[in-house]
Each structure stands twice: as C-alpha cells, then as structure tokens.
C-alpha cells in the first residue's frame, strides 16, 4: 500500500518537474510566434516548446533515478532562513527558562 503511495507521489513530482521547463519553453515559443506570426515563427515556436519539454523530461527522469523527485522538490522549496529563526527562538526560550530557575 505504501509503495503505491510513494510511486504516486514520485510521479506527481516528476510531472511538476517536467512542467517547469515546458511552460518556460511554451512562453518563449509563444513570444517567437507573436514576433513572427507566420509559418516560420510557428515552427520555431513549436520547436522551442518541444525543446523545453525534452529538457523537462530529461531533468525529471534524472532526479527520479537519483535522489527522487519529492526529495528534489522539497529541497528547492525549503526555506533555511526560517529554520534559523526557529532555532534562535527555541534557544531564547531555553535561556529564559534556565534563567528563571
């Protein structure tokens, strides 16, 4: 049961990693198409979007095979600045409790 849930979360993470370069490629492709609204601009725009998709697939598959997609996503969305704030607040509380005894 838990193996299935692990695989599902890894697949969702894989899709999230693929979407980022794909959306960037689509945005650049649309920008090219908007600048050159002809067949050449369309083909170049589609090519850039497909390159973004390929880069996303390669990156997501690499992370899936090495550290895992969820581990990768949690590391890039972590906020170490807030971790330091929590530690300093805990230390202040400990010092306060120690001094009150």
PDB file of N, CA and C in Angstrom:
ATOM      1  N   UNK A   1       0.819  -1.197   0.000  1.00  0.00           N
ATOM      2  CA  UNK A   1       0.000   0.000   0.000  1.00  0.00           C
ATOM      3  C   UNK A   1       0.862   1.260   0.000  1.00  0.00           C
ATOM      4  N   UNK A   2       1.890   1.283   0.907  1.00  0.00           N
ATOM      5  CA  UNK A   2       2.715   2.472   0.995  1.00  0.00           C
ATOM      6  C   UNK A   2       3.621   2.616  -0.219  1.00  0.00           C
ATOM      7  N   UNK A   3       4.005   1.501  -0.835  1.00  0.00           N
ATOM      8  CA  UNK A   3       4.819   1.562  -2.056  1.00  0.00           C
ATOM      9  C   UNK A   3       4.030   2.244  -3.175  1.00  0.00           C
ATOM     10  N   UNK A   4       2.746   1.944  -3.248  1.00  0.00           N
ATOM     11  CA  UNK A   4       1.907   2.560  -4.277  1.00  0.00           C
ATOM     12  C   UNK A   4       1.811   4.063  -4.043  1.00  0.00           C
ATOM     13  N   UNK A   5       1.619   4.475  -2.797  1.00  0.00           N
ATOM     14  CA  UNK A   5       1.541   5.905  -2.488  1.00  0.00           C
ATOM     15  C   UNK A   5       2.876   6.596  -2.759  1.00  0.00           C
ATOM     16  N   UNK A   6       3.978   5.936  -2.464  1.00  0.00           N
ATOM     17  CA  UNK A   6       5.292   6.505  -2.766  1.00  0.00           C
ATOM     18  C   UNK A   6       5.462   6.720  -4.268  1.00  0.00           C
ATOM     19  N   UNK A   7       5.068   5.722  -5.051  1.00  0.00           N
ATOM     20  CA  UNK A   7       5.187   5.841  -6.514  1.00  0.00           C
ATOM     21  C   UNK A   7       4.286   6.946  -7.045  1.00  0.00           C
ATOM     22  N   UNK A   8       3.076   7.063  -6.495  1.00  0.00           N
ATOM     23  CA  UNK A   8       2.160   8.113  -6.950  1.00  0.00           C
ATOM     24  C   UNK A   8       2.744   9.490  -6.661  1.00  0.00           C
ATOM     25  N   UNK A   9       3.293   9.686  -5.463  1.00  0.00           N
ATOM     26  CA  UNK A   9       3.874  10.990  -5.157  1.00  0.00           C
ATOM     27  C   UNK A   9       5.111  11.267  -6.012  1.00  0.00           C
ATOM     28  N   UNK A  10       5.904  10.238  -6.289  1.00  0.00           N
ATOM     29  CA  UNK A  10       7.065  10.428  -7.171  1.00  0.00           C
ATOM     30  C   UNK A  10       6.618  10.806  -8.585  1.00  0.00           C
ATOM     31  N   UNK A  11       5.536  10.207  -9.060  1.00  0.00           N
ATOM     32  CA  UNK A  11       5.031  10.529 -10.398  1.00  0.00           C
ATOM     33  C   UNK A  11       4.502  11.962 -10.435  1.00  0.00           C
ATOM     34  N   UNK A  12       3.786  12.377  -9.392  1.00  0.00           N
ATOM     35  CA  UNK A  12       3.300  13.755  -9.329  1.00  0.00           C
ATOM     36  C   UNK A  12       4.484  14.726  -9.299  1.00  0.00           C
ATOM     37  N   UNK A  13       5.517  14.394  -8.534  1.00  0.00           N
ATOM     38  CA  UNK A  13       6.725  15.224  -8.512  1.00  0.00           C
ATOM     39  C   UNK A  13       7.402  15.263  -9.869  1.00  0.00           C
ATOM     40  N   UNK A  14       7.437  14.111 -10.557  1.00  0.00           N
ATOM     41  CA  UNK A  14       8.030  14.051 -11.893  1.00  0.00           C
ATOM     42  C   UNK A  14       7.291  15.001 -12.834  1.00  0.00           C
ATOM     43  N   UNK A  15       5.963  14.976 -12.770  1.00  0.00           N
ATOM     44  CA  UNK A  15       5.153  15.851 -13.636  1.00  0.00           C
ATOM     45  C   UNK A  15       5.426  17.314 -13.301  1.00  0.00           C
ATOM     46  N   UNK A  16       5.541  17.647 -12.019  1.00  0.00           N
ATOM     47  CA  UNK A  16       5.822  19.030 -11.635  1.00  0.00           C
ATOM     48  C   UNK A  16       7.167  19.495 -12.175  1.00  0.00           C
ATOM     49  N   UNK A  17       8.165  18.623 -12.114  1.00  0.00           N
ATOM     50  CA  UNK A  17       9.488  18.995 -12.627  1.00  0.00           C
ATOM     51  C   UNK A  17       9.442  19.164 -14.144  1.00  0.00           C
ATOM     52  N   UNK A  18       8.710  18.299 -14.832  1.00  0.00           N
ATOM     53  CA  UNK A  18       8.606  18.403 -16.294  1.00  0.00           C
ATOM     54  C   UNK A  18       7.889  19.689 -16.698  1.00  0.00           C
ATOM     55  N   UNK A  19       6.877  20.077 -15.945  1.00  0.00           N
ATOM     56  CA  UNK A  19       6.075  21.239 -16.325  1.00  0.00           C
ATOM     57  C   UNK A  19       6.855  22.550 -16.316  1.00  0.00           C
ATOM     58  N   UNK A  20       7.813  22.696 -15.415  1.00  0.00           N
ATOM     59  CA  UNK A  20       8.517  23.966 -15.311  1.00  0.00           C
ATOM     60  C   UNK A  20       9.270  24.336 -16.594  1.00  0.00           C
ATOM     61  N   UNK A  21      10.193  23.509 -17.095  1.00  0.00           N
ATOM     62  CA  UNK A  21      10.854  23.881 -18.353  1.00  0.00           C
ATOM     63  C   UNK A  21       9.902  23.887 -19.549  1.00  0.00           C
ATOM     64  N   UNK A  22       8.873  23.046 -19.490  1.00  0.00           N
ATOM     65  CA  UNK A  22       7.913  23.017 -20.587  1.00  0.00           C
ATOM     66  C   UNK A  22       7.161  24.343 -20.682  1.00  0.00           C
ATOM     67  N   UNK A  23       6.709  24.849 -19.551  1.00  0.00           N
ATOM     68  CA  UNK A  23       5.988  26.128 -19.567  1.00  0.00           C
ATOM     69  C   UNK A  23       6.893  27.282 -19.981  1.00  0.00           C
ATOM     70  N   UNK A  24       8.156  27.225 -19.568  1.00  0.00           N
ATOM     71  CA  UNK A  24       9.108  28.258 -19.996  1.00  0.00           C
ATOM     72  C   UNK A  24       9.310  28.176 -21.508  1.00  0.00           C
ATOM     73  N   UNK A  25       9.445  26.949 -22.037  1.00  0.00           N
ATOM     74  CA  UNK A  25       9.585  26.768 -23.486  1.00  0.00           C
ATOM     75  C   UNK A  25       8.354  27.243 -24.241  1.00  0.00           C
ATOM     76  N   UNK A  26       7.173  26.969 -23.699  1.00  0.00           N
ATOM     77  CA  UNK A  26       5.936  27.433 -24.341  1.00  0.00           C
ATOM     78  C   UNK A  26       5.877  28.960 -24.343  1.00  0.00           C
ATOM     79  N   UNK A  27       6.281  29.583 -23.233  1.00  0.00           N
ATOM     80  CA  UNK A  27       6.260  31.047 -23.158  1.00  0.00           C
ATOM     81  C   UNK A  27       7.220  31.659 -24.188  1.00  0.00           C
ATOM     82  N   UNK A  28       8.446  31.111 -24.262  1.00  0.00           N
ATOM     83  CA  UNK A  28       9.387  31.618 -25.264  1.00  0.00           C
ATOM     84  C   UNK A  28       8.895  31.334 -26.679  1.00  0.00           C
ATOM     85  N   UNK A  29       8.335  30.156 -26.878  1.00  0.00           N
ATOM     86  CA  UNK A  29       7.793  29.814 -28.192  1.00  0.00           C
ATOM     87  C   UNK A  29       6.662  30.742 -28.602  1.00  0.00           C
ATOM     88  N   UNK A  30       5.806  31.068 -27.647  1.00  0.00           N
ATOM     89  CA  UNK A  30       4.718  31.995 -27.941  1.00  0.00           C
ATOM     90  C   UNK A  30       5.266  33.384 -28.250  1.00  0.00           C
ATOM     91  N   UNK A  31       6.330  33.769 -27.532  1.00  0.00           N
ATOM     92  CA  UNK A  31       6.951  35.068 -27.815  1.00  0.00           C
ATOM     93  C   UNK A  31       7.524  35.125 -29.225  1.00  0.00           C
ATOM     94  N   UNK A  32       8.149  34.054 -29.661  1.00  0.00           N
ATOM     95  CA  UNK A  32       8.677  33.988 -31.031  1.00  0.00           C
ATOM     96  C   UNK A  32       7.522  34.040 -32.039  1.00  0.00           C
ATOM     97  N   UNK A  33       6.467  33.273 -31.752  1.00  0.00           N
ATOM     98  CA  UNK A  33       5.324  33.263 -32.658  1.00  0.00           C
ATOM     99  C   UNK A  33       4.681  34.653 -32.718  1.00  0.00           C
ATOM    100  N   UNK A  34       4.602  35.321 -31.567  1.00  0.00           N
ATOM    101  CA  UNK A  34       3.984  36.647 -31.535  1.00  0.00           C
ATOM    102  C   UNK A  34       4.815  37.652 -32.342  1.00  0.00           C
ATOM    103  N   UNK A  35       6.132  37.496 -32.307  1.00  0.00           N
ATOM    104  CA  UNK A  35       7.013  38.394 -33.064  1.00  0.00           C
ATOM    105  C   UNK A  35       6.973  38.091 -34.561  1.00  0.00           C
ATOM    106  N   UNK A  36       6.874  36.798 -34.911  1.00  0.00           N
ATOM    107  CA  UNK A  36       6.840  36.371 -36.318  1.00  0.00           C
ATOM    108  C   UNK A  36       5.595  35.502 -36.551  1.00  0.00           C
ATOM    109  N   UNK A  37       4.435  36.109 -36.763  1.00  0.00           N
ATOM    110  CA  UNK A  37       3.188  35.323 -36.896  1.00  0.00           C
ATOM    111  C   UNK A  37       3.024  34.710 -38.296  1.00  0.00           C
ATOM    112  N   UNK A  38       3.981  33.921 -38.706  1.00  0.00           N
ATOM    113  CA  UNK A  38       3.882  33.211 -39.973  1.00  0.00           C
ATOM    114  C   UNK A  38       4.257  31.758 -39.734  1.00  0.00           C
ATOM    115  N   UNK A  39       4.382  30.992 -40.798  1.00  0.00           N
ATOM    116  CA  UNK A  39       4.687  29.573 -40.664  1.00  0.00           C
ATOM    117  C   UNK A  39       6.053  29.345 -40.007  1.00  0.00           C
ATOM    118  N   UNK A  40       7.034  30.143 -40.372  1.00  0.00           N
ATOM    119  CA  UNK A  40       8.364  30.000 -39.777  1.00  0.00           C
ATOM    120  C   UNK A  40       8.322  30.284 -38.279  1.00  0.00           C
ATOM    121  N   UNK A  41       7.636  31.330 -37.888  1.00  0.00           N
ATOM    122  CA  UNK A  41       7.505  31.654 -36.462  1.00  0.00           C
ATOM    123  C   UNK A  41       6.768  30.564 -35.703  1.00  0.00           C
ATOM    124  N   UNK A  42       5.750  29.990 -36.340  1.00  0.00           N
ATOM    125  CA  UNK A  42       5.008  28.893 -35.718  1.00  0.00           C
ATOM    126  C   UNK A  42       5.904  27.683 -35.501  1.00  0.00           C
ATOM    127  N   UNK A  43       6.657  27.327 -36.523  1.00  0.00           N
ATOM    128  CA  UNK A  43       7.535  26.159 -36.411  1.00  0.00           C
ATOM    129  C   UNK A  43       8.635  26.371 -35.370  1.00  0.00           C
ATOM    130  N   UNK A  44       9.225  27.553 -35.362  1.00  0.00           N
ATOM    131  CA  UNK A  44      10.268  27.842 -34.378  1.00  0.00           C
ATOM    132  C   UNK A  44       9.673  27.851 -32.968  1.00  0.00           C
ATOM    133  N   UNK A  45       8.487  28.424 -32.813  1.00  0.00           N
ATOM    134  CA  UNK A  45       7.823  28.438 -31.509  1.00  0.00           C
ATOM    135  C   UNK A  45       7.518  27.039 -31.009  1.00  0.00           C
ATOM    136  N   UNK A  46       7.021  26.188 -31.888  1.00  0.00           N
ATOM    137  CA  UNK A  46       6.734  24.801 -31.510  1.00  0.00           C
ATOM    138  C   UNK A  46       8.036  24.074 -31.184  1.00  0.00           C
ATOM    139  N   UNK A  47       9.084  24.321 -31.953  1.00  0.00           N
ATOM    140  CA  UNK A  47      10.373  23.685 -31.701  1.00  0.00           C
ATOM    141  C   UNK A  47      10.915  24.070 -30.319  1.00  0.00           C
ATOM    142  N   UNK A  48      10.810  25.336 -29.962  1.00  0.00           N
ATOM    143  CA  UNK A  48      11.293  25.788 -28.650  1.00  0.00           C
ATOM    144  C   UNK A  48      10.462  25.149 -27.535  1.00  0.00           C
ATOM    145  N   UNK A  49       9.153  25.041 -27.720  1.00  0.00           N
ATOM    146  CA  UNK A  49       8.291  24.404 -26.722  1.00  0.00           C
ATOM    147  C   UNK A  49       8.652  22.924 -26.561  1.00  0.00           C
ATOM    148  N   UNK A  50       8.929  22.254 -27.665  1.00  0.00           N
ATOM    149  CA  UNK A  50       9.305  20.837 -27.601  1.00  0.00           C
ATOM    150  C   UNK A  50      10.668  20.671 -26.935  1.00  0.00           C
ATOM    151  N   UNK A  51      11.592  21.574 -27.205  1.00  0.00           N
ATOM    152  CA  UNK A  51      12.896  21.520 -26.537  1.00  0.00           C
ATOM    153  C   UNK A  51      12.717  21.685 -25.027  1.00  0.00           C
ATOM    154  N   UNK A  52      11.833  22.592 -24.614  1.00  0.00           N
ATOM    155  CA  UNK A  52      11.538  22.747 -23.187  1.00  0.00           C
ATOM    156  C   UNK A  52      10.967  21.472 -22.594  1.00  0.00           C
ATOM    157  N   UNK A  53      10.086  20.803 -23.337  1.00  0.00           N
ATOM    158  CA  UNK A  53       9.518  19.536 -22.877  1.00  0.00           C
ATOM    159  C   UNK A  53      10.594  18.464 -22.735  1.00  0.00           C
ATOM    160  N   UNK A  54      11.487  18.376 -23.714  1.00  0.00           N
ATOM    161  CA  UNK A  54      12.562  17.374 -23.665  1.00  0.00           C
ATOM    162  C   UNK A  54      13.506  17.643 -22.492  1.00  0.00           C
ATOM    163  N   UNK A  55      13.856  18.899 -22.277  1.00  0.00           N
ATOM    164  CA  UNK A  55      14.717  19.251 -21.147  1.00  0.00           C
ATOM    165  C   UNK A  55      14.023  18.879 -19.833  1.00  0.00           C
ATOM    166  N   UNK A  56      12.734  19.145 -19.745  1.00  0.00           N
ATOM    167  CA  UNK A  56      11.981  18.795 -18.541  1.00  0.00           C
ATOM    168  C   UNK A  56      11.955  17.298 -18.296  1.00  0.00           C
ATOM    169  N   UNK A  57      11.751  16.519 -19.345  1.00  0.00           N
ATOM    170  CA  UNK A  57      11.722  15.056 -19.200  1.00  0.00           C
ATOM    171  C   UNK A  57      13.081  14.533 -18.760  1.00  0.00           C
ATOM    172  N   UNK A  58      14.150  15.055 -19.365  1.00  0.00           N
ATOM    173  CA  UNK A  58      15.498  14.602 -19.002  1.00  0.00           C
ATOM    174  C   UNK A  58      15.802  14.949 -17.545  1.00  0.00           C
ATOM    175  N   UNK A  59      15.503  16.181 -17.148  1.00  0.00           N
ATOM    176  CA  UNK A  59      15.775  16.603 -15.775  1.00  0.00           C
ATOM    177  C   UNK A  59      14.950  15.796 -14.770  1.00  0.00           C
ATOM    178  N   UNK A  60      13.667  15.624 -15.044  1.00  0.00           N
ATOM    179  CA  UNK A  60      12.794  14.894 -14.119  1.00  0.00           C
ATOM    180  C   UNK A  60      13.203  13.427 -14.007  1.00  0.00           C
ATOM    181  N   UNK A  61      13.568  12.818 -15.115  1.00  0.00           N
ATOM    182  CA  UNK A  61      13.984  11.416 -15.082  1.00  0.00           C
ATOM    183  C   UNK A  61      15.292  11.257 -14.328  1.00  0.00           C
ATOM    184  N   UNK A  62      16.208  12.197 -14.507  1.00  0.00           N
ATOM    185  CA  UNK A  62      17.481  12.149 -13.781  1.00  0.00           C
ATOM    186  C   UNK A  62      17.242  12.258 -12.272  1.00  0.00           C
ATOM    187  N   UNK A  63      16.388  13.178 -11.863  1.00  0.00           N
ATOM    188  CA  UNK A  63      16.090  13.333 -10.438  1.00  0.00           C
ATOM    189  C   UNK A  63      15.316  12.131  -9.902  1.00  0.00           C
ATOM    190  N   UNK A  64      14.452  11.556 -10.709  1.00  0.00           N
ATOM    191  CA  UNK A  64      13.685  10.381 -10.294  1.00  0.00           C
ATOM    192  C   UNK A  64      14.614   9.203 -10.013  1.00  0.00           C
ATOM    193  N   UNK A  65      15.629   9.046 -10.853  1.00  0.00           N
ATOM    194  CA  UNK A  65      16.541   7.908 -10.699  1.00  0.00           C
ATOM    195  C   UNK A  65      17.565   8.123  -9.595  1.00  0.00           C
ATOM    196  N   UNK A  66      17.931   9.367  -9.291  1.00  0.00           N
ATOM    197  CA  UNK A  66      18.983   9.600  -8.297  1.00  0.00           C
ATOM    198  C   UNK A  66      18.392   9.841  -6.912  1.00  0.00           C
ATOM    199  N   UNK A  67      17.995  11.063  -6.617  1.00  0.00           N
ATOM    200  CA  UNK A  67      17.551  11.404  -5.263  1.00  0.00           C
ATOM    201  C   UNK A  67      16.058  11.236  -5.053  1.00  0.00           C
ATOM    202  N   UNK A  68      15.304  11.205  -6.117  1.00  0.00           N
ATOM    203  CA  UNK A  68      13.847  11.157  -6.008  1.00  0.00           C
ATOM    204  C   UNK A  68      13.274  12.541  -6.254  1.00  0.00           C
ATOM    205  N   UNK A  69      12.130  12.567  -6.894  1.00  0.00           N
ATOM    206  CA  UNK A  69      11.549  13.853  -7.276  1.00  0.00           C
ATOM    207  C   UNK A  69      11.026  14.621  -6.062  1.00  0.00           C
ATOM    208  N   UNK A  70      10.449  13.929  -5.108  1.00  0.00           N
ATOM    209  CA  UNK A  70       9.903  14.618  -3.937  1.00  0.00           C
ATOM    210  C   UNK A  70      11.037  15.198  -3.095  1.00  0.00           C
ATOM    211  N   UNK A  71      12.127  14.474  -2.963  1.00  0.00           N
ATOM    212  CA  UNK A  71      13.284  14.992  -2.243  1.00  0.00           C
ATOM    213  C   UNK A  71      13.808  16.249  -2.935  1.00  0.00           C
ATOM    214  N   UNK A  72      13.906  16.220  -4.250  1.00  0.00           N
ATOM    215  CA  UNK A  72      14.380  17.376  -5.015  1.00  0.00           C
ATOM    216  C   UNK A  72      13.452  18.574  -4.829  1.00  0.00           C
ATOM    217  N   UNK A  73      12.146  18.345  -4.954  1.00  0.00           N
ATOM    218  CA  UNK A  73      11.188  19.439  -4.826  1.00  0.00           C
ATOM    219  C   UNK A  73      11.167  20.010  -3.415  1.00  0.00           C
ATOM    220  N   UNK A  74      11.310  19.164  -2.413  1.00  0.00           N
ATOM    221  CA  UNK A  74      11.300  19.674  -1.045  1.00  0.00           C
ATOM    222  C   UNK A  74      12.563  20.477  -0.749  1.00  0.00           C
ATOM    223  N   UNK A  75      13.687  20.090  -1.347  1.00  0.00           N
ATOM    224  CA  UNK A  75      14.921  20.839  -1.131  1.00  0.00           C
ATOM    225  C   UNK A  75      14.876  22.206  -1.803  1.00  0.00           C
ATOM    226  N   UNK A  76      14.289  22.304  -2.989  1.00  0.00           N
ATOM    227  CA  UNK A  76      14.274  23.602  -3.669  1.00  0.00           C
ATOM    228  C   UNK A  76      13.205  24.532  -3.112  1.00  0.00           C
ATOM    229  N   UNK A  77      12.198  23.980  -2.436  1.00  0.00           N
ATOM    230  CA  UNK A  77      11.173  24.840  -1.859  1.00  0.00           C
ATOM    231  C   UNK A  77      11.367  25.060  -0.366  1.00  0.00           C
ATOM    232  N   UNK A  78      12.471  24.577   0.189  1.00  0.00           N
ATOM    233  CA  UNK A  78      12.755  24.764   1.610  1.00  0.00           C
ATOM    234  C   UNK A  78      13.165  26.205   1.871  1.00  0.00           C
ATOM    235  N   UNK A  79      12.964  26.649   3.094  1.00  0.00           N
ATOM    236  CA  UNK A  79      13.335  27.999   3.490  1.00  0.00           C
ATOM    237  C   UNK A  79      14.292  27.922   4.675  1.00  0.00           C
ATOM    238  N   UNK A  80      15.590  27.794   4.407  1.00  0.00           N
ATOM    239  CA  UNK A  80      16.548  27.673   5.503  1.00  0.00           C
ATOM    240  C   UNK A  80      16.616  28.927   6.379  1.00  0.00           C
ATOM    241  N   UNK A  81      16.217  30.078   5.842  1.00  0.00           N
ATOM    242  CA  UNK A  81      16.220  31.295   6.646  1.00  0.00           C
ATOM    243  C   UNK A  81      15.252  31.145   7.813  1.00  0.00           C
ATOM    244  N   UNK A  82      14.103  30.534   7.555  1.00  0.00           N
ATOM    245  CA  UNK A  82      13.119  30.355   8.615  1.00  0.00           C
ATOM    246  C   UNK A  82      13.559  29.295   9.612  1.00  0.00           C
ATOM    247  N   UNK A  83      14.324  28.308   9.184  1.00  0.00           N
ATOM    248  CA  UNK A  83      14.839  27.304  10.107  1.00  0.00           C
ATOM    249  C   UNK A  83      15.740  27.950  11.147  1.00  0.00           C
ATOM    250  N   UNK A  84      16.566  28.889  10.720  1.00  0.00           N
ATOM    251  CA  UNK A  84      17.445  29.593  11.656  1.00  0.00           C
ATOM    252  C   UNK A  84      16.647  30.434  12.632  1.00  0.00           C
ATOM    253  N   UNK A  85      15.565  31.034  12.174  1.00  0.00           N
ATOM    254  CA  UNK A  85      14.723  31.835  13.053  1.00  0.00           C
ATOM    255  C   UNK A  85      14.108  30.946  14.121  1.00  0.00           C
ATOM    256  N   UNK A  86      13.613  29.784  13.733  1.00  0.00           N
ATOM    257  CA  UNK A  86      13.015  28.867  14.699  1.00  0.00           C
ATOM    258  C   UNK A  86      14.047  28.422  15.730  1.00  0.00           C
ATOM    259  N   UNK A  87      15.246  28.089  15.300  1.00  0.00           N
ATOM    260  CA  UNK A  87      16.295  27.649  16.229  1.00  0.00           C
ATOM    261  C   UNK A  87      16.641  28.755  17.218  1.00  0.00           C
ATOM    262  N   UNK A  88      16.756  29.994  16.730  1.00  0.00           N
ATOM    263  CA  UNK A  88      17.116  31.087  17.632  1.00  0.00           C
ATOM    264  C   UNK A  88      15.991  31.358  18.625  1.00  0.00           C
ATOM    265  N   UNK A  89      14.736  31.211  18.198  1.00  0.00           N
ATOM    266  CA  UNK A  89      13.623  31.409  19.122  1.00  0.00           C
ATOM    267  C   UNK A  89      13.582  30.309  20.177  1.00  0.00           C
ATOM    268  N   UNK A  90      13.872  29.089  19.792  1.00  0.00           N
ATOM    269  CA  UNK A  90      13.907  27.978  20.747  1.00  0.00           C
ATOM    270  C   UNK A  90      15.026  28.199  21.757  1.00  0.00           C
ATOM    271  N   UNK A  91      16.190  28.664  21.278  1.00  0.00           N
ATOM    272  CA  UNK A  91      17.303  28.929  22.182  1.00  0.00           C
ATOM    273  C   UNK A  91      16.961  30.048  23.161  1.00  0.00           C
ATOM    274  N   UNK A  92      16.260  31.083  22.721  1.00  0.00           N
ATOM    275  CA  UNK A  92      15.852  32.169  23.610  1.00  0.00           C
ATOM    276  C   UNK A  92      14.909  31.650  24.692  1.00  0.00           C
ATOM    277  N   UNK A  93      13.980  30.797  24.302  1.00  0.00           N
ATOM    278  CA  UNK A  93      13.046  30.238  25.274  1.00  0.00           C
ATOM    279  C   UNK A  93      13.783  29.379  26.286  1.00  0.00           C
ATOM    280  N   UNK A  94      14.742  28.574  25.822  1.00  0.00           N
ATOM    281  CA  UNK A  94      15.523  27.731  26.740  1.00  0.00           C
ATOM    282  C   UNK A  94      16.323  28.587  27.716  1.00  0.00           C
ATOM    283  N   UNK A  95      16.965  29.657  27.211  1.00  0.00           N
ATOM    284  CA  UNK A  95      17.731  30.536  28.096  1.00  0.00           C
ATOM    285  C   UNK A  95      16.827  31.219  29.109  1.00  0.00           C
ATOM    286  N   UNK A  96      15.659  31.626  28.669  1.00  0.00           N
ATOM    287  CA  UNK A  96      14.709  32.287  29.558  1.00  0.00           C
ATOM    288  C   UNK A  96      14.259  31.338  30.661  1.00  0.00           C
ATOM    289  N   UNK A  97      13.946  30.097  30.287  1.00  0.00           N
ATOM    290  CA  UNK A  97      13.528  29.102  31.276  1.00  0.00           C
ATOM    291  C   UNK A  97      14.676  28.766  32.227  1.00  0.00           C
ATOM    292  N   UNK A  98      15.891  28.708  31.709  1.00  0.00           N
ATOM    293  CA  UNK A  98      17.061  28.376  32.523  1.00  0.00           C
ATOM    294  C   UNK A  98      17.340  29.495  33.526  1.00  0.00           C
ATOM    295  N   UNK A  99      17.191  30.740  33.113  1.00  0.00           N
ATOM    296  CA  UNK A  99      17.444  31.883  33.984  1.00  0.00           C
ATOM    297  C   UNK A  99      16.346  32.066  35.031  1.00  0.00           C
ATOM    298  N   UNK A 100      15.159  31.603  34.749  1.00  0.00           N
ATOM    299  CA  UNK A 100      14.060  31.770  35.697  1.00  0.00           C
ATOM    300  C   UNK A 100      14.137  30.778  36.851  1.00  0.00           C
ATOM    301  N   UNK A 101      14.932  29.728  36.722  1.00  0.00           N
ATOM    302  CA  UNK A 101      15.066  28.734  37.799  1.00  0.00           C
ATOM    303  C   UNK A 101      16.056  29.148  38.773  1.00  0.00           C
TER     304      UNK A 101
END
